[in-house]
Amino acid sequence: MTPVDASFEIVGPADAPVVVVLGGISASRHVTSSSANPRPGWWEQFCGPGRAINTDRFRILSIDYRGEGSDGHSLTTYDQALALVSALDSAGVQSARAIVGASYGGMIALAFGSIAPERVRRLVVIGAAHESAPTATALRLLQRRVVELGLATGRSYDALILARGIAMTTYASADEFDRRFAGPPTYDTDKRSRAIGDFLQLSGETFAQNCTPERFLALSESLDNHYVCPEEVRVPTTLIAVREDALVPVEQVQHLARTIGASCRLVELSSSHGHDTFLNAHHLIAPFVVDALFTANGIES
């Protein structure tokens, strides 16, 4: 694998330490709004002036993920890590203060920590581990088969909406779905079914408007093929696991914490938001992310 050009965005004071921020497969380089691009970013509530990742004190760098592998090979998290290396080179950044990666971004952070440990001082990995859990792979396999069937029948857009809807059922816990949609015994069940269906449809449409079926298939497969040898990750790491995360079992993160090749802090949280806690309950993870950013430089926040 060789480094490739990457599309990146960087926000914050020119002389500030750089923090790389990476999210799930639907994330982009546009993490937070700025004077150059005032449109809200995908992690607007967590990144920006005075927020957990404070752009008054740090520069935030992020990339657009690659949608295909190198030299005809399947896309991997190592491809994304190499793209990040290229982005850092292009931005003139020799070493980042930290990589904060959630979900797919956490996988990429671990891959980066195994191939370029000298380029980052600390990893903060949220809702991710060194490999895909079998149940997560099984669910994504079914999602890809839906999209492949859509491509074969000329209904790829509808299929992508359906696949994303299936994925949405794995991002939050059962308790969160109950909170959103449960009602009293006399509740209109047809109305509830329509509400759930509308939620899944809208989520799927929003995703399908910004992602092609081919790109989804490549990214989804790279999630399932992800593997990083824990002992080869040679960067001090903070791991944040959510007990209700249906995609990344806490036991898997515990194993990573025991075997990783550098000092490690494991944080276990409880949240009904499950895998999407980093998006929907960011206040729970904020203290640990802030602590990691300043620990990486040996100073107090």
Protein backbone atom coordinates (compact mmCIF):
# COMPACT_ATOMS: atom_id res chain seq x y z
CA MET A 1 0.00 0.00 0.00
CA THR A 2 1.26 3.46 -0.86
CA PRO A 3 0.15 6.87 0.42
CA VAL A 4 -2.57 8.59 -1.58
CA ASP A 5 -3.87 12.10 -1.85
CA ALA A 6 -6.67 12.86 0.60
CA SER A 7 -9.35 15.51 0.66
CA PHE A 8 -9.11 17.16 4.06
CA GLU A 9 -10.33 20.17 6.02
CA ILE A 10 -8.52 21.91 8.87
CA VAL A 11 -10.09 24.41 11.29
CA GLY A 12 -8.58 26.39 14.15
CA PRO A 13 -5.62 28.66 15.01
CA ALA A 14 -2.65 28.18 12.70
CA ASP A 15 -0.21 27.68 15.59
CA ALA A 16 -2.41 25.36 17.68
CA PRO A 17 -1.83 21.61 18.20
CA VAL A 18 -3.66 19.44 15.67
CA VAL A 19 -6.36 16.98 16.69
CA VAL A 20 -7.57 14.59 14.01
CA VAL A 21 -11.29 13.80 14.24
CA LEU A 22 -12.80 10.80 12.44
CA GLY A 23 -16.39 9.49 12.57
CA GLY A 24 -18.57 6.75 11.12
CA ILE A 25 -18.90 5.81 7.46
CA SER A 26 -21.32 8.70 6.85
CA ALA A 27 -18.89 11.28 8.29
CA SER A 28 -16.98 13.71 6.11
CA ARG A 29 -14.04 16.09 6.39
CA HIS A 30 -16.49 18.81 7.52
CA VAL A 31 -16.54 18.23 11.28
CA THR A 32 -17.58 21.68 12.46
CA SER A 33 -18.56 25.08 11.08
CA SER A 34 -16.01 27.82 10.53
CA SER A 35 -15.72 31.19 8.83
CA ALA A 36 -14.53 29.40 5.70
CA ASN A 37 -17.50 27.01 5.76
CA PRO A 38 -20.34 28.10 8.09
CA ARG A 39 -22.46 25.03 7.35
CA PRO A 40 -22.86 22.87 10.51
CA GLY A 41 -20.54 19.88 10.58
CA TRP A 42 -21.38 16.29 11.43
CA TRP A 43 -20.02 16.69 15.03
CA GLU A 44 -20.99 20.32 15.54
CA GLN A 45 -22.06 19.93 19.17
CA PHE A 46 -18.76 18.36 20.19
CA CYS A 47 -16.21 20.34 18.17
CA GLY A 48 -15.83 24.10 17.91
CA PRO A 49 -15.19 27.20 20.03
CA GLY A 50 -15.59 26.38 23.73
CA ARG A 51 -16.72 22.81 23.05
CA ALA A 52 -15.13 19.53 24.09
CA ILE A 53 -12.63 19.65 21.22
CA ASN A 54 -12.09 23.36 21.46
CA THR A 55 -11.09 25.12 18.25
CA ASP A 56 -9.88 28.07 20.32
CA ARG A 57 -7.10 25.77 21.57
CA PHE A 58 -6.76 23.11 18.88
CA ARG A 59 -6.80 22.77 15.11
CA ILE A 60 -9.18 20.06 13.95
CA LEU A 61 -8.21 18.07 10.86
CA SER A 62 -10.41 15.50 9.18
CA ILE A 63 -10.59 13.72 5.84
CA ASP A 64 -13.13 12.44 3.36
CA TYR A 65 -12.90 8.66 3.38
CA ARG A 66 -11.71 6.80 0.35
CA GLY A 67 -14.41 4.81 -1.45
CA GLU A 68 -12.24 2.21 -3.10
CA GLY A 69 -9.14 0.18 -2.37
CA SER A 70 -5.66 0.42 -3.82
CA ASP A 71 -4.52 -1.37 -6.97
CA GLY A 72 -7.79 -3.25 -7.39
CA HIS A 73 -7.82 -4.59 -3.82
CA SER A 74 -10.73 -4.29 -1.41
CA LEU A 75 -10.84 -1.10 0.63
CA THR A 76 -9.34 -1.38 4.13
CA THR A 77 -8.99 0.74 7.24
CA TYR A 78 -5.26 0.79 6.46
CA ASP A 79 -6.08 2.56 3.17
CA GLN A 80 -7.88 5.22 5.20
CA ALA A 81 -4.97 5.48 7.64
CA LEU A 82 -2.57 6.02 4.71
CA ALA A 83 -4.90 8.68 3.35
CA LEU A 84 -4.68 10.39 6.74
CA VAL A 85 -0.87 10.24 6.57
CA SER A 86 -1.05 12.00 3.19
CA ALA A 87 -3.42 14.64 4.59
CA LEU A 88 -1.07 15.35 7.49
CA ASP A 89 1.80 15.67 5.02
CA SER A 90 -0.20 18.04 2.83
CA ALA A 91 -1.15 20.14 5.86
CA GLY A 92 2.47 20.27 7.03
CA VAL A 93 1.69 18.45 10.28
CA GLN A 94 4.55 16.28 11.48
CA SER A 95 2.75 14.98 14.57
CA ALA A 96 -0.86 15.30 15.75
CA ARG A 97 -1.70 15.82 19.42
CA ALA A 98 -4.34 13.09 19.12
CA ILE A 99 -6.64 11.17 16.85
CA VAL A 100 -10.19 11.05 18.17
CA GLY A 101 -11.97 8.33 16.23
CA ALA A 102 -15.50 7.06 16.76
CA SER A 103 -17.01 3.95 15.16
CA TYR A 104 -15.30 3.47 11.76
CA GLY A 105 -13.02 6.36 12.67
CA GLY A 106 -11.88 4.47 15.76
CA MET A 107 -10.90 1.52 13.60
CA ILE A 108 -8.88 3.86 11.38
CA ALA A 109 -7.21 5.39 14.45
CA LEU A 110 -6.05 1.93 15.54
CA ALA A 111 -4.75 1.16 12.04
CA PHE A 112 -2.89 4.49 12.05
CA GLY A 113 -1.41 3.69 15.46
CA SER A 114 0.07 0.49 14.05
CA ILE A 115 1.61 1.96 10.87
CA ALA A 116 2.56 5.51 11.87
CA PRO A 117 2.89 5.70 15.67
CA GLU A 118 5.46 8.47 15.41
CA ARG A 119 2.84 10.77 13.83
CA VAL A 120 0.45 10.97 16.79
CA ARG A 121 0.82 11.29 20.57
CA ARG A 122 -2.46 9.69 21.68
CA LEU A 123 -5.41 7.77 20.30
CA VAL A 124 -8.96 8.18 21.60
CA VAL A 125 -11.04 5.29 20.29
CA ILE A 126 -14.80 5.41 20.85
CA GLY A 127 -17.09 2.51 20.01
CA ALA A 128 -14.50 0.56 18.05
CA ALA A 129 -12.12 -2.36 18.48
CA HIS A 130 -9.33 -4.16 16.65
CA GLU A 131 -11.73 -6.33 14.64
CA SER A 132 -15.40 -6.61 13.74
CA ALA A 133 -17.62 -8.64 16.06
CA PRO A 134 -19.30 -11.63 14.34
CA THR A 135 -22.81 -10.31 15.03
CA ALA A 136 -21.89 -6.92 13.53
CA THR A 137 -20.47 -8.65 10.45
CA ALA A 138 -23.62 -10.74 10.09
CA LEU A 139 -25.83 -7.66 10.13
CA ARG A 140 -23.67 -5.82 7.61
CA LEU A 141 -23.55 -8.85 5.32
CA LEU A 142 -27.35 -8.77 5.12
CA GLN A 143 -27.28 -5.02 4.45
CA ARG A 144 -24.86 -5.53 1.56
CA ARG A 145 -26.96 -8.31 0.10
CA VAL A 146 -29.95 -5.98 0.09
CA VAL A 147 -27.94 -3.35 -1.79
CA GLU A 148 -26.50 -5.92 -4.20
CA LEU A 149 -30.03 -7.13 -4.93
CA GLY A 150 -31.05 -3.53 -5.56
CA LEU A 151 -28.19 -3.05 -8.02
CA ALA A 152 -29.15 -6.25 -9.83
CA THR A 153 -32.81 -5.21 -10.14
CA GLY A 154 -32.38 -1.52 -10.90
CA ARG A 155 -33.59 -0.39 -7.48
CA SER A 156 -30.29 0.42 -5.82
CA TYR A 157 -31.48 3.71 -4.30
CA ASP A 158 -34.43 2.05 -2.57
CA ALA A 159 -32.19 -0.81 -1.47
CA LEU A 160 -29.67 1.58 0.05
CA ILE A 161 -32.46 3.28 2.01
CA LEU A 162 -33.56 -0.11 3.33
CA ALA A 163 -30.02 -1.16 4.22
CA ARG A 164 -29.45 2.05 6.15
CA GLY A 165 -32.76 1.53 7.95
CA ILE A 166 -31.56 -1.88 9.07
CA ALA A 167 -28.33 -0.30 10.28
CA MET A 168 -30.25 2.29 12.29
CA THR A 169 -31.74 -0.49 14.42
CA THR A 170 -28.22 -1.38 15.58
CA TYR A 171 -27.01 2.12 16.45
CA ALA A 172 -29.28 2.69 19.47
CA SER A 173 -30.27 0.29 22.25
CA ALA A 174 -33.66 -1.37 22.64
CA ASP A 175 -34.34 0.97 25.56
CA GLU A 176 -33.81 3.98 23.30
CA PHE A 177 -36.27 2.64 20.72
CA ASP A 178 -38.75 2.02 23.53
CA ARG A 179 -38.30 5.58 24.75
CA ARG A 180 -38.89 6.99 21.27
CA PHE A 181 -41.81 4.86 20.20
CA ALA A 182 -43.44 3.04 23.13
CA GLY A 183 -46.86 4.19 24.31
CA PRO A 184 -49.57 3.30 26.83
CA PRO A 185 -51.63 0.10 26.43
CA THR A 186 -54.27 1.99 24.44
CA TYR A 187 -51.65 3.40 22.06
CA ASP A 188 -52.50 3.20 18.35
CA THR A 189 -50.15 0.45 17.17
CA ASP A 190 -50.67 1.35 13.51
CA LYS A 191 -49.63 4.89 14.29
CA ARG A 192 -46.58 3.60 16.14
CA SER A 193 -45.61 1.37 13.22
CA ARG A 194 -45.92 4.31 10.84
CA ALA A 195 -43.78 6.46 13.14
CA ILE A 196 -41.05 3.82 13.25
CA GLY A 197 -41.26 3.32 9.51
CA ASP A 198 -41.06 7.06 8.85
CA PHE A 199 -38.01 7.36 11.11
CA LEU A 200 -36.19 4.54 9.32
CA GLN A 201 -37.21 5.83 5.89
CA LEU A 202 -36.02 9.37 6.59
CA SER A 203 -32.74 8.13 8.02
CA GLY A 204 -32.22 5.95 4.97
CA GLU A 205 -33.08 8.72 2.52
CA THR A 206 -30.71 11.16 4.21
CA PHE A 207 -27.90 8.63 3.92
CA ALA A 208 -28.71 7.57 0.33
CA GLN A 209 -28.66 11.18 -0.86
CA ASN A 210 -25.02 11.44 0.17
CA CYS A 211 -23.63 7.99 -0.58
CA THR A 212 -23.67 5.81 -3.69
CA PRO A 213 -24.47 2.11 -3.39
CA GLU A 214 -20.97 1.25 -4.60
CA ARG A 215 -19.35 3.43 -1.97
CA PHE A 216 -21.55 1.94 0.74
CA LEU A 217 -20.58 -1.59 -0.29
CA ALA A 218 -16.87 -0.75 -0.18
CA LEU A 219 -17.04 0.98 3.20
CA SER A 220 -19.26 -1.71 4.71
CA GLU A 221 -16.91 -4.46 3.56
CA SER A 222 -13.92 -2.58 4.98
CA LEU A 223 -15.66 -2.53 8.37
CA ASP A 224 -16.02 -6.29 8.32
CA ASN A 225 -12.48 -6.93 7.04
CA HIS A 226 -10.93 -4.63 9.63
CA TYR A 227 -8.23 -6.21 11.74
CA VAL A 228 -5.38 -4.60 13.62
CA CYS A 229 -3.03 -6.69 15.77
CA PRO A 230 -3.43 -5.05 19.20
CA GLU A 231 0.23 -5.54 20.09
CA GLU A 232 1.22 -3.49 17.02
CA VAL A 233 -0.64 -0.37 18.21
CA ARG A 234 2.23 1.51 19.83
CA VAL A 235 0.52 4.77 20.80
CA PRO A 236 -0.92 5.54 24.26
CA THR A 237 -4.65 5.00 23.93
CA THR A 238 -7.92 5.84 25.61
CA LEU A 239 -10.66 3.33 24.79
CA ILE A 240 -14.28 4.34 25.42
CA ALA A 241 -16.83 1.51 25.35
CA VAL A 242 -20.60 1.65 25.86
CA ARG A 243 -22.12 -1.40 27.53
CA GLU A 244 -25.29 -1.11 25.45
CA ASP A 245 -23.37 -0.98 22.15
CA ALA A 246 -24.84 -3.77 20.00
CA LEU A 247 -22.08 -3.51 17.39
CA VAL A 248 -18.97 -3.42 19.58
CA PRO A 249 -19.32 -5.71 22.63
CA VAL A 250 -17.60 -4.32 25.70
CA GLU A 251 -15.79 -7.64 26.17
CA GLN A 252 -14.08 -7.09 22.83
CA VAL A 253 -12.83 -3.67 23.91
CA GLN A 254 -11.66 -5.12 27.23
CA HIS A 255 -9.57 -7.67 25.31
CA LEU A 256 -8.07 -4.87 23.21
CA ALA A 257 -7.22 -2.93 26.38
CA ARG A 258 -5.40 -5.95 27.85
CA THR A 259 -3.34 -6.70 24.74
CA ILE A 260 -2.65 -3.32 23.13
CA GLY A 261 1.04 -2.53 22.64
CA ALA A 262 1.08 0.75 24.60
CA SER A 263 -0.32 2.26 27.79
CA CYS A 264 -4.10 2.21 27.77
CA ARG A 265 -7.00 3.67 29.71
CA LEU A 266 -10.32 1.84 29.38
CA VAL A 267 -13.51 3.78 30.06
CA GLU A 268 -16.80 1.87 30.26
CA LEU A 269 -20.03 3.85 30.09
CA SER A 270 -23.72 3.07 30.15
CA SER A 271 -26.02 4.81 27.67
CA SER A 272 -29.33 3.95 26.04
CA HIS A 273 -27.94 5.57 22.88
CA GLY A 274 -25.72 2.53 22.40
CA HIS A 275 -23.27 2.76 19.50
CA ASP A 276 -24.35 6.32 18.70
CA THR A 277 -23.58 7.64 22.18
CA PHE A 278 -20.78 9.75 20.71
CA LEU A 279 -23.37 11.58 18.59
CA ASN A 280 -26.41 11.67 20.84
CA ALA A 281 -24.99 11.77 24.38
CA HIS A 282 -21.69 13.50 23.79
CA HIS A 283 -21.66 14.92 27.33
CA LEU A 284 -20.93 11.40 28.61
CA ILE A 285 -17.72 11.04 26.66
CA ALA A 286 -16.57 14.68 26.72
CA PRO A 287 -14.66 14.59 30.04
CA PHE A 288 -12.59 11.61 28.94
CA VAL A 289 -11.82 13.07 25.52
CA VAL A 290 -10.76 16.38 27.05
CA ASP A 291 -8.58 14.60 29.60
CA ALA A 292 -6.90 12.58 26.84
CA LEU A 293 -6.16 15.67 24.75
CA PHE A 294 -4.28 17.34 27.58
CA THR A 295 -2.69 14.15 28.92
CA ALA A 296 -1.15 13.75 25.47
CA ASN A 297 0.96 16.83 26.15
CA GLY A 298 1.50 16.31 29.86
CA ILE A 299 -0.45 19.41 30.91
CA GLU A 300 -3.65 20.07 32.79
CA SER A 301 -6.85 21.15 31.05
